[in-house]
Amino acid sequence: MSADPDDTTVPGPPPAKRSKPHRELLTEEEKRANHIASEQKRRSTIRNGFKDLTDLVPTLKNINNSKSTVLFKAVDFIRYLEKRNRGLRDKIHAL
C-alpha cells in the first residue's frame, strides 16, 4: 500500500474572519431608551400570558386575582385535567 500524496489532507491556514461592519456606539440616552422599551415589552408579554391563563382556567374567570393566585389555580387546573385524562384513558383501555 503506497500513500498517494494527493490523498492526504494538509490543513491550510484558517479562512480569514470577516470583521463586522463598524457600528456607531449608542449614547447613554439611546441605551436607556432601548432598555426601557425592552422592559416594557417583557412586562407586556408577561401580562398577556397571565391574561391568557385567566381566560383558560375556569376558576379564574370574572375575578381580579393576584399573579400568584393565577399561577396556583392554573397548576390545580392542569393537575385536574391530567387526572381526568388518566381516568378517561383507563376507561378506553378497559373497553
PDB file of N, CA and C in Angstrom:
ATOM      1  N   MET A   1       0.835  -1.172   0.000  1.00  0.00           N
ATOM      2  CA  MET A   1       0.000   0.000   0.000  1.00  0.00           C
ATOM      3  C   MET A   1       0.876   1.230   0.000  1.00  0.00           C
ATOM      4  N   SER A   2       0.786   1.982  -1.040  1.00  0.00           N
ATOM      5  CA  SER A   2       1.580   3.202  -1.077  1.00  0.00           C
ATOM      6  C   SER A   2       0.678   4.390  -0.821  1.00  0.00           C
ATOM      7  N   ALA A   3       1.231   5.350  -0.141  1.00  0.00           N
ATOM      8  CA  ALA A   3       0.457   6.548   0.170  1.00  0.00           C
ATOM      9  C   ALA A   3       0.579   7.518  -0.983  1.00  0.00           C
ATOM     10  N   ASP A   4      -0.534   7.882  -1.536  1.00  0.00           N
ATOM     11  CA  ASP A   4      -0.562   8.829  -2.639  1.00  0.00           C
ATOM     12  C   ASP A   4      -0.585  10.236  -2.055  1.00  0.00           C
ATOM     13  N   PRO A   5       0.346  11.100  -2.429  1.00  0.00           N
ATOM     14  CA  PRO A   5       0.389  12.444  -1.858  1.00  0.00           C
ATOM     15  C   PRO A   5      -0.904  13.230  -2.104  1.00  0.00           C
ATOM     16  N   ASP A   6      -1.632  12.876  -3.162  1.00  0.00           N
ATOM     17  CA  ASP A   6      -2.867  13.606  -3.446  1.00  0.00           C
ATOM     18  C   ASP A   6      -3.993  13.219  -2.490  1.00  0.00           C
ATOM     19  N   ASP A   7      -3.864  12.055  -1.802  1.00  0.00           N
ATOM     20  CA  ASP A   7      -4.916  11.580  -0.907  1.00  0.00           C
ATOM     21  C   ASP A   7      -4.816  12.186   0.491  1.00  0.00           C
ATOM     22  N   THR A   8      -3.711  12.758   0.814  1.00  0.00           N
ATOM     23  CA  THR A   8      -3.556  13.301   2.163  1.00  0.00           C
ATOM     24  C   THR A   8      -4.096  14.725   2.201  1.00  0.00           C
ATOM     25  N   THR A   9      -4.696  15.037   3.325  1.00  0.00           N
ATOM     26  CA  THR A   9      -5.235  16.377   3.507  1.00  0.00           C
ATOM     27  C   THR A   9      -4.264  17.157   4.370  1.00  0.00           C
ATOM     28  N   VAL A  10      -3.821  18.244   3.849  1.00  0.00           N
ATOM     29  CA  VAL A  10      -2.901  19.103   4.581  1.00  0.00           C
ATOM     30  C   VAL A  10      -3.696  20.321   5.033  1.00  0.00           C
ATOM     31  N   PRO A  11      -3.755  20.501   6.335  1.00  0.00           N
ATOM     32  CA  PRO A  11      -4.524  21.664   6.789  1.00  0.00           C
ATOM     33  C   PRO A  11      -3.846  22.952   6.360  1.00  0.00           C
ATOM     34  N   GLY A  12      -4.635  23.830   5.839  1.00  0.00           N
ATOM     35  CA  GLY A  12      -4.118  25.120   5.416  1.00  0.00           C
ATOM     36  C   GLY A  12      -4.422  26.161   6.469  1.00  0.00           C
ATOM     37  N   PRO A  13      -4.113  27.366   6.179  1.00  0.00           N
ATOM     38  CA  PRO A  13      -4.410  28.428   7.142  1.00  0.00           C
ATOM     39  C   PRO A  13      -5.932  28.570   7.282  1.00  0.00           C
ATOM     40  N   PRO A  14      -6.389  28.930   8.460  1.00  0.00           N
ATOM     41  CA  PRO A  14      -7.834  29.091   8.639  1.00  0.00           C
ATOM     42  C   PRO A  14      -8.348  30.220   7.757  1.00  0.00           C
ATOM     43  N   PRO A  15      -9.592  30.110   7.324  1.00  0.00           N
ATOM     44  CA  PRO A  15     -10.123  31.180   6.469  1.00  0.00           C
ATOM     45  C   PRO A  15     -10.140  32.507   7.226  1.00  0.00           C
ATOM     46  N   ALA A  16      -9.935  33.560   6.491  1.00  0.00           N
ATOM     47  CA  ALA A  16      -9.899  34.889   7.109  1.00  0.00           C
ATOM     48  C   ALA A  16     -11.276  35.215   7.673  1.00  0.00           C
ATOM     49  N   LYS A  17     -11.290  35.737   8.885  1.00  0.00           N
ATOM     50  CA  LYS A  17     -12.560  36.107   9.508  1.00  0.00           C
ATOM     51  C   LYS A  17     -12.981  37.470   8.979  1.00  0.00           C
ATOM     52  N   ARG A  18     -14.270  37.544   8.699  1.00  0.00           N
ATOM     53  CA  ARG A  18     -14.789  38.831   8.246  1.00  0.00           C
ATOM     54  C   ARG A  18     -15.088  39.682   9.472  1.00  0.00           C
ATOM     55  N   SER A  19     -14.664  40.888   9.414  1.00  0.00           N
ATOM     56  CA  SER A  19     -14.957  41.766  10.545  1.00  0.00           C
ATOM     57  C   SER A  19     -16.363  42.332  10.366  1.00  0.00           C
ATOM     58  N   LYS A  20     -17.017  42.539  11.488  1.00  0.00           N
ATOM     59  CA  LYS A  20     -18.364  43.092  11.441  1.00  0.00           C
ATOM     60  C   LYS A  20     -18.269  44.544  11.003  1.00  0.00           C
ATOM     61  N   PRO A  21     -19.303  44.995  10.307  1.00  0.00           N
ATOM     62  CA  PRO A  21     -19.265  46.407   9.923  1.00  0.00           C
ATOM     63  C   PRO A  21     -19.262  47.282  11.174  1.00  0.00           C
ATOM     64  N   HIS A  22     -18.531  48.335  11.101  1.00  0.00           N
ATOM     65  CA  HIS A  22     -18.387  49.237  12.249  1.00  0.00           C
ATOM     66  C   HIS A  22     -19.720  49.927  12.511  1.00  0.00           C
ATOM     67  N   ARG A  23     -20.184  49.810  13.757  1.00  0.00           N
ATOM     68  CA  ARG A  23     -21.435  50.461  14.139  1.00  0.00           C
ATOM     69  C   ARG A  23     -21.125  51.607  15.084  1.00  0.00           C
ATOM     70  N   GLU A  24     -21.949  52.592  15.001  1.00  0.00           N
ATOM     71  CA  GLU A  24     -21.802  53.712  15.926  1.00  0.00           C
ATOM     72  C   GLU A  24     -22.212  53.249  17.314  1.00  0.00           C
ATOM     73  N   LEU A  25     -21.502  53.676  18.315  1.00  0.00           N
ATOM     74  CA  LEU A  25     -21.861  53.348  19.683  1.00  0.00           C
ATOM     75  C   LEU A  25     -23.078  54.167  20.094  1.00  0.00           C
ATOM     76  N   LEU A  26     -23.932  53.537  20.891  1.00  0.00           N
ATOM     77  CA  LEU A  26     -25.132  54.229  21.344  1.00  0.00           C
ATOM     78  C   LEU A  26     -24.789  55.200  22.466  1.00  0.00           C
ATOM     79  N   THR A  27     -25.527  56.276  22.493  1.00  0.00           N
ATOM     80  CA  THR A  27     -25.362  57.213  23.599  1.00  0.00           C
ATOM     81  C   THR A  27     -26.039  56.615  24.828  1.00  0.00           C
ATOM     82  N   GLU A  28     -25.747  57.172  25.981  1.00  0.00           N
ATOM     83  CA  GLU A  28     -26.378  56.688  27.216  1.00  0.00           C
ATOM     84  C   GLU A  28     -27.894  56.827  27.132  1.00  0.00           C
ATOM     85  N   GLU A  29     -28.365  57.899  26.538  1.00  0.00           N
ATOM     86  CA  GLU A  29     -29.813  58.120  26.405  1.00  0.00           C
ATOM     87  C   GLU A  29     -30.441  57.063  25.483  1.00  0.00           C
ATOM     88  N   GLU A  30     -29.751  56.712  24.399  1.00  0.00           N
ATOM     89  CA  GLU A  30     -30.261  55.670  23.496  1.00  0.00           C
ATOM     90  C   GLU A  30     -30.271  54.306  24.180  1.00  0.00           C
ATOM     91  N   LYS A  31     -29.207  54.019  24.945  1.00  0.00           N
ATOM     92  CA  LYS A  31     -29.162  52.761  25.697  1.00  0.00           C
ATOM     93  C   LYS A  31     -30.318  52.695  26.687  1.00  0.00           C
ATOM     94  N   ARG A  32     -30.547  53.797  27.371  1.00  0.00           N
ATOM     95  CA  ARG A  32     -31.630  53.860  28.369  1.00  0.00           C
ATOM     96  C   ARG A  32     -32.986  53.661  27.693  1.00  0.00           C
ATOM     97  N   ALA A  33     -33.188  54.320  26.553  1.00  0.00           N
ATOM     98  CA  ALA A  33     -34.458  54.195  25.825  1.00  0.00           C
ATOM     99  C   ALA A  33     -34.662  52.759  25.350  1.00  0.00           C
ATOM    100  N   ASN A  34     -33.601  52.120  24.856  1.00  0.00           N
ATOM    101  CA  ASN A  34     -33.693  50.721  24.424  1.00  0.00           C
ATOM    102  C   ASN A  34     -34.027  49.813  25.598  1.00  0.00           C
ATOM    103  N   HIS A  35     -33.400  50.072  26.729  1.00  0.00           N
ATOM    104  CA  HIS A  35     -33.651  49.259  27.919  1.00  0.00           C
ATOM    105  C   HIS A  35     -35.105  49.410  28.379  1.00  0.00           C
ATOM    106  N   ILE A  36     -35.586  50.626  28.391  1.00  0.00           N
ATOM    107  CA  ILE A  36     -36.972  50.879  28.803  1.00  0.00           C
ATOM    108  C   ILE A  36     -37.939  50.177  27.852  1.00  0.00           C
ATOM    109  N   ALA A  37     -37.686  50.276  26.554  1.00  0.00           N
ATOM    110  CA  ALA A  37     -38.561  49.628  25.570  1.00  0.00           C
ATOM    111  C   ALA A  37     -38.540  48.110  25.737  1.00  0.00           C
ATOM    112  N   SER A  38     -37.360  47.541  25.958  1.00  0.00           N
ATOM    113  CA  SER A  38     -37.247  46.090  26.160  1.00  0.00           C
ATOM    114  C   SER A  38     -37.991  45.660  27.414  1.00  0.00           C
ATOM    115  N   GLU A  39     -37.862  46.419  28.465  1.00  0.00           N
ATOM    116  CA  GLU A  39     -38.533  46.093  29.728  1.00  0.00           C
ATOM    117  C   GLU A  39     -40.048  46.202  29.582  1.00  0.00           C
ATOM    118  N   GLN A  40     -40.520  47.207  28.871  1.00  0.00           N
ATOM    119  CA  GLN A  40     -41.960  47.346  28.643  1.00  0.00           C
ATOM    120  C   GLN A  40     -42.494  46.174  27.824  1.00  0.00           C
ATOM    121  N   LYS A  41     -41.727  45.739  26.828  1.00  0.00           N
ATOM    122  CA  LYS A  41     -42.139  44.594  26.007  1.00  0.00           C
ATOM    123  C   LYS A  41     -42.193  43.328  26.864  1.00  0.00           C
ATOM    124  N   ARG A  42     -41.196  43.136  27.718  1.00  0.00           N
ATOM    125  CA  ARG A  42     -41.157  41.968  28.598  1.00  0.00           C
ATOM    126  C   ARG A  42     -42.359  41.966  29.532  1.00  0.00           C
ATOM    127  N   ARG A  43     -42.645  43.105  30.133  1.00  0.00           N
ATOM    128  CA  ARG A  43     -43.795  43.205  31.051  1.00  0.00           C
ATOM    129  C   ARG A  43     -45.105  42.954  30.323  1.00  0.00           C
ATOM    130  N   SER A  44     -45.219  43.472  29.118  1.00  0.00           N
ATOM    131  CA  SER A  44     -46.432  43.271  28.323  1.00  0.00           C
ATOM    132  C   SER A  44     -46.623  41.792  27.992  1.00  0.00           C
ATOM    133  N   THR A  45     -45.535  41.112  27.654  1.00  0.00           N
ATOM    134  CA  THR A  45     -45.602  39.682  27.353  1.00  0.00           C
ATOM    135  C   THR A  45     -46.066  38.897  28.578  1.00  0.00           C
ATOM    136  N   ILE A  46     -45.528  39.225  29.730  1.00  0.00           N
ATOM    137  CA  ILE A  46     -45.930  38.550  30.972  1.00  0.00           C
ATOM    138  C   ILE A  46     -47.397  38.844  31.274  1.00  0.00           C
ATOM    139  N   ARG A  47     -47.804  40.092  31.136  1.00  0.00           N
ATOM    140  CA  ARG A  47     -49.197  40.482  31.393  1.00  0.00           C
ATOM    141  C   ARG A  47     -50.144  39.710  30.472  1.00  0.00           C
ATOM    142  N   ASN A  48     -49.783  39.595  29.191  1.00  0.00           N
ATOM    143  CA  ASN A  48     -50.612  38.849  28.240  1.00  0.00           C
ATOM    144  C   ASN A  48     -50.674  37.369  28.595  1.00  0.00           C
ATOM    145  N   GLY A  49     -49.570  36.818  29.072  1.00  0.00           N
ATOM    146  CA  GLY A  49     -49.558  35.418  29.498  1.00  0.00           C
ATOM    147  C   GLY A  49     -50.494  35.180  30.671  1.00  0.00           C
ATOM    148  N   PHE A  50     -50.490  36.085  31.640  1.00  0.00           N
ATOM    149  CA  PHE A  50     -51.405  35.954  32.777  1.00  0.00           C
ATOM    150  C   PHE A  50     -52.855  36.120  32.330  1.00  0.00           C
ATOM    151  N   LYS A  51     -53.097  37.015  31.375  1.00  0.00           N
ATOM    152  CA  LYS A  51     -54.457  37.190  30.856  1.00  0.00           C
ATOM    153  C   LYS A  51     -54.915  35.908  30.170  1.00  0.00           C
ATOM    154  N   ASP A  52     -54.036  35.293  29.379  1.00  0.00           N
ATOM    155  CA  ASP A  52     -54.381  34.032  28.712  1.00  0.00           C
ATOM    156  C   ASP A  52     -54.708  32.947  29.731  1.00  0.00           C
ATOM    157  N   LEU A  53     -53.895  32.838  30.781  1.00  0.00           N
ATOM    158  CA  LEU A  53     -54.170  31.852  31.831  1.00  0.00           C
ATOM    159  C   LEU A  53     -55.521  32.121  32.487  1.00  0.00           C
ATOM    160  N   THR A  54     -55.794  33.386  32.763  1.00  0.00           N
ATOM    161  CA  THR A  54     -57.062  33.755  33.391  1.00  0.00           C
ATOM    162  C   THR A  54     -58.242  33.364  32.503  1.00  0.00           C
ATOM    163  N   ASP A  55     -58.079  33.516  31.196  1.00  0.00           N
ATOM    164  CA  ASP A  55     -59.149  33.151  30.263  1.00  0.00           C
ATOM    165  C   ASP A  55     -59.327  31.639  30.150  1.00  0.00           C
ATOM    166  N   LEU A  56     -58.252  30.871  30.338  1.00  0.00           N
ATOM    167  CA  LEU A  56     -58.305  29.416  30.148  1.00  0.00           C
ATOM    168  C   LEU A  56     -58.743  28.642  31.380  1.00  0.00           C
ATOM    169  N   VAL A  57     -58.479  29.175  32.561  1.00  0.00           N
ATOM    170  CA  VAL A  57     -58.779  28.448  33.801  1.00  0.00           C
ATOM    171  C   VAL A  57     -60.156  28.890  34.303  1.00  0.00           C
ATOM    172  N   PRO A  58     -61.117  27.941  34.352  1.00  0.00           N
ATOM    173  CA  PRO A  58     -62.493  28.314  34.707  1.00  0.00           C
ATOM    174  C   PRO A  58     -62.629  29.004  36.063  1.00  0.00           C
ATOM    175  N   THR A  59     -61.849  28.624  37.054  1.00  0.00           N
ATOM    176  CA  THR A  59     -61.998  29.211  38.392  1.00  0.00           C
ATOM    177  C   THR A  59     -61.437  30.630  38.485  1.00  0.00           C
ATOM    178  N   LEU A  60     -60.853  31.127  37.417  1.00  0.00           N
ATOM    179  CA  LEU A  60     -60.261  32.471  37.437  1.00  0.00           C
ATOM    180  C   LEU A  60     -61.107  33.506  36.710  1.00  0.00           C
ATOM    181  N   LYS A  61     -62.132  33.066  36.003  1.00  0.00           N
ATOM    182  CA  LYS A  61     -62.913  33.996  35.188  1.00  0.00           C
ATOM    183  C   LYS A  61     -63.678  34.984  36.064  1.00  0.00           C
ATOM    184  N   ASN A  62     -63.760  36.211  35.580  1.00  0.00           N
ATOM    185  CA  ASN A  62     -64.547  37.282  36.201  1.00  0.00           C
ATOM    186  C   ASN A  62     -64.127  37.614  37.633  1.00  0.00           C
ATOM    187  N   ILE A  63     -62.902  37.321  37.984  1.00  0.00           N
ATOM    188  CA  ILE A  63     -62.396  37.644  39.315  1.00  0.00           C
ATOM    189  C   ILE A  63     -61.040  38.324  39.144  1.00  0.00           C
ATOM    190  N   ASN A  64     -60.787  39.347  39.938  1.00  0.00           N
ATOM    191  CA  ASN A  64     -59.485  40.010  39.900  1.00  0.00           C
ATOM    192  C   ASN A  64     -58.545  39.248  40.837  1.00  0.00           C
ATOM    193  N   ASN A  65     -57.591  38.522  40.281  1.00  0.00           N
ATOM    194  CA  ASN A  65     -56.688  37.676  41.057  1.00  0.00           C
ATOM    195  C   ASN A  65     -55.265  38.207  41.027  1.00  0.00           C
ATOM    196  N   SER A  66     -54.530  37.900  42.085  1.00  0.00           N
ATOM    197  CA  SER A  66     -53.102  38.222  42.086  1.00  0.00           C
ATOM    198  C   SER A  66     -52.388  37.245  41.152  1.00  0.00           C
ATOM    199  N   LYS A  67     -51.185  37.593  40.770  1.00  0.00           N
ATOM    200  CA  LYS A  67     -50.424  36.720  39.875  1.00  0.00           C
ATOM    201  C   LYS A  67     -50.139  35.375  40.522  1.00  0.00           C
ATOM    202  N   SER A  68     -49.871  35.374  41.814  1.00  0.00           N
ATOM    203  CA  SER A  68     -49.601  34.095  42.484  1.00  0.00           C
ATOM    204  C   SER A  68     -50.859  33.232  42.504  1.00  0.00           C
ATOM    205  N   THR A  69     -52.027  33.840  42.712  1.00  0.00           N
ATOM    206  CA  THR A  69     -53.279  33.082  42.687  1.00  0.00           C
ATOM    207  C   THR A  69     -53.508  32.490  41.302  1.00  0.00           C
ATOM    208  N   VAL A  70     -53.252  33.275  40.265  1.00  0.00           N
ATOM    209  CA  VAL A  70     -53.411  32.784  38.893  1.00  0.00           C
ATOM    210  C   VAL A  70     -52.527  31.561  38.677  1.00  0.00           C
ATOM    211  N   LEU A  71     -51.272  31.633  39.105  1.00  0.00           N
ATOM    212  CA  LEU A  71     -50.350  30.511  38.905  1.00  0.00           C
ATOM    213  C   LEU A  71     -50.787  29.278  39.688  1.00  0.00           C
ATOM    214  N   PHE A  72     -51.149  29.449  40.958  1.00  0.00           N
ATOM    215  CA  PHE A  72     -51.548  28.299  41.771  1.00  0.00           C
ATOM    216  C   PHE A  72     -52.825  27.651  41.239  1.00  0.00           C
ATOM    217  N   LYS A  73     -53.805  28.465  40.842  1.00  0.00           N
ATOM    218  CA  LYS A  73     -55.048  27.900  40.314  1.00  0.00           C
ATOM    219  C   LYS A  73     -54.821  27.255  38.948  1.00  0.00           C
ATOM    220  N   ALA A  74     -53.903  27.792  38.167  1.00  0.00           N
ATOM    221  CA  ALA A  74     -53.572  27.178  36.878  1.00  0.00           C
ATOM    222  C   ALA A  74     -52.943  25.808  37.103  1.00  0.00           C
ATOM    223  N   VAL A  75     -52.053  25.694  38.080  1.00  0.00           N
ATOM    224  CA  VAL A  75     -51.438  24.404  38.415  1.00  0.00           C
ATOM    225  C   VAL A  75     -52.511  23.421  38.867  1.00  0.00           C
ATOM    226  N   ASP A  76     -53.426  23.867  39.728  1.00  0.00           N
ATOM    227  CA  ASP A  76     -54.512  22.995  40.187  1.00  0.00           C
ATOM    228  C   ASP A  76     -55.354  22.505  39.011  1.00  0.00           C
ATOM    229  N   PHE A  77     -55.658  23.396  38.085  1.00  0.00           N
ATOM    230  CA  PHE A  77     -56.479  23.030  36.931  1.00  0.00           C
ATOM    231  C   PHE A  77     -55.753  22.031  36.031  1.00  0.00           C
ATOM    232  N   ILE A  78     -54.473  22.235  35.816  1.00  0.00           N
ATOM    233  CA  ILE A  78     -53.687  21.306  34.992  1.00  0.00           C
ATOM    234  C   ILE A  78     -53.655  19.932  35.646  1.00  0.00           C
ATOM    235  N   ARG A  79     -53.469  19.890  36.953  1.00  0.00           N
ATOM    236  CA  ARG A  79     -53.473  18.600  37.663  1.00  0.00           C
ATOM    237  C   ARG A  79     -54.833  17.920  37.544  1.00  0.00           C
ATOM    238  N   TYR A  80     -55.905  18.701  37.658  1.00  0.00           N
ATOM    239  CA  TYR A  80     -57.256  18.160  37.488  1.00  0.00           C
ATOM    240  C   TYR A  80     -57.406  17.561  36.088  1.00  0.00           C
ATOM    241  N   LEU A  81     -56.962  18.290  35.065  1.00  0.00           N
ATOM    242  CA  LEU A  81     -57.066  17.795  33.685  1.00  0.00           C
ATOM    243  C   LEU A  81     -56.249  16.523  33.488  1.00  0.00           C
ATOM    244  N   GLU A  82     -55.049  16.480  34.063  1.00  0.00           N
ATOM    245  CA  GLU A  82     -54.218  15.276  33.946  1.00  0.00           C
ATOM    246  C   GLU A  82     -54.916  14.079  34.581  1.00  0.00           C
ATOM    247  N   LYS A  83     -55.492  14.277  35.754  1.00  0.00           N
ATOM    248  CA  LYS A  83     -56.189  13.193  36.453  1.00  0.00           C
ATOM    249  C   LYS A  83     -57.396  12.728  35.640  1.00  0.00           C
ATOM    250  N   ARG A  84     -58.152  13.684  35.120  1.00  0.00           N
ATOM    251  CA  ARG A  84     -59.320  13.341  34.302  1.00  0.00           C
ATOM    252  C   ARG A  84     -58.905  12.586  33.040  1.00  0.00           C
ATOM    253  N   ASN A  85     -57.839  13.024  32.409  1.00  0.00           N
ATOM    254  CA  ASN A  85     -57.346  12.340  31.204  1.00  0.00           C
ATOM    255  C   ASN A  85     -56.908  10.916  31.516  1.00  0.00           C
ATOM    256  N   ARG A  86     -56.230  10.720  32.655  1.00  0.00           N
ATOM    257  CA  ARG A  86     -55.836   9.356  33.050  1.00  0.00           C
ATOM    258  C   ARG A  86     -57.070   8.482  33.234  1.00  0.00           C
ATOM    259  N   GLY A  87     -58.098   9.026  33.879  1.00  0.00           N
ATOM    260  CA  GLY A  87     -59.333   8.277  34.086  1.00  0.00           C
ATOM    261  C   GLY A  87     -59.995   7.907  32.771  1.00  0.00           C
ATOM    262  N   LEU A  88     -60.036   8.843  31.841  1.00  0.00           N
ATOM    263  CA  LEU A  88     -60.630   8.563  30.531  1.00  0.00           C
ATOM    264  C   LEU A  88     -59.808   7.534  29.762  1.00  0.00           C
ATOM    265  N   ARG A  89     -58.473   7.636  29.856  1.00  0.00           N
ATOM    266  CA  ARG A  89     -57.605   6.657  29.203  1.00  0.00           C
ATOM    267  C   ARG A  89     -57.846   5.262  29.776  1.00  0.00           C
ATOM    268  N   ASP A  90     -57.984   5.189  31.099  1.00  0.00           N
ATOM    269  CA  ASP A  90     -58.245   3.901  31.747  1.00  0.00           C
ATOM    270  C   ASP A  90     -59.570   3.320  31.277  1.00  0.00           C
ATOM    271  N   LYS A  91     -60.598   4.168  31.118  1.00  0.00           N
ATOM    272  CA  LYS A  91     -61.892   3.697  30.620  1.00  0.00           C
ATOM    273  C   LYS A  91     -61.762   3.132  29.209  1.00  0.00           C
ATOM    274  N   ILE A  92     -61.000   3.821  28.380  1.00  0.00           N
ATOM    275  CA  ILE A  92     -60.810   3.366  26.994  1.00  0.00           C
ATOM    276  C   ILE A  92     -60.101   2.020  26.979  1.00  0.00           C
ATOM    277  N   HIS A  93     -59.062   1.867  27.780  1.00  0.00           N
ATOM    278  CA  HIS A  93     -58.310   0.605  27.819  1.00  0.00           C
ATOM    279  C   HIS A  93     -59.152  -0.527  28.386  1.00  0.00           C
ATOM    280  N   ALA A  94     -60.119  -0.200  29.229  1.00  0.00           N
ATOM    281  CA  ALA A  94     -60.979  -1.225  29.821  1.00  0.00           C
ATOM    282  C   ALA A  94     -62.019  -1.732  28.823  1.00  0.00           C
ATOM    283  N   LEU A  95     -62.263  -0.995  27.761  1.00  0.00           N
ATOM    284  CA  LEU A  95     -63.266  -1.413  26.764  1.00  0.00           C
ATOM    285  C   LEU A  95     -62.811  -2.584  25.930  1.00  0.00           C
TER     286      LEU A  95
END
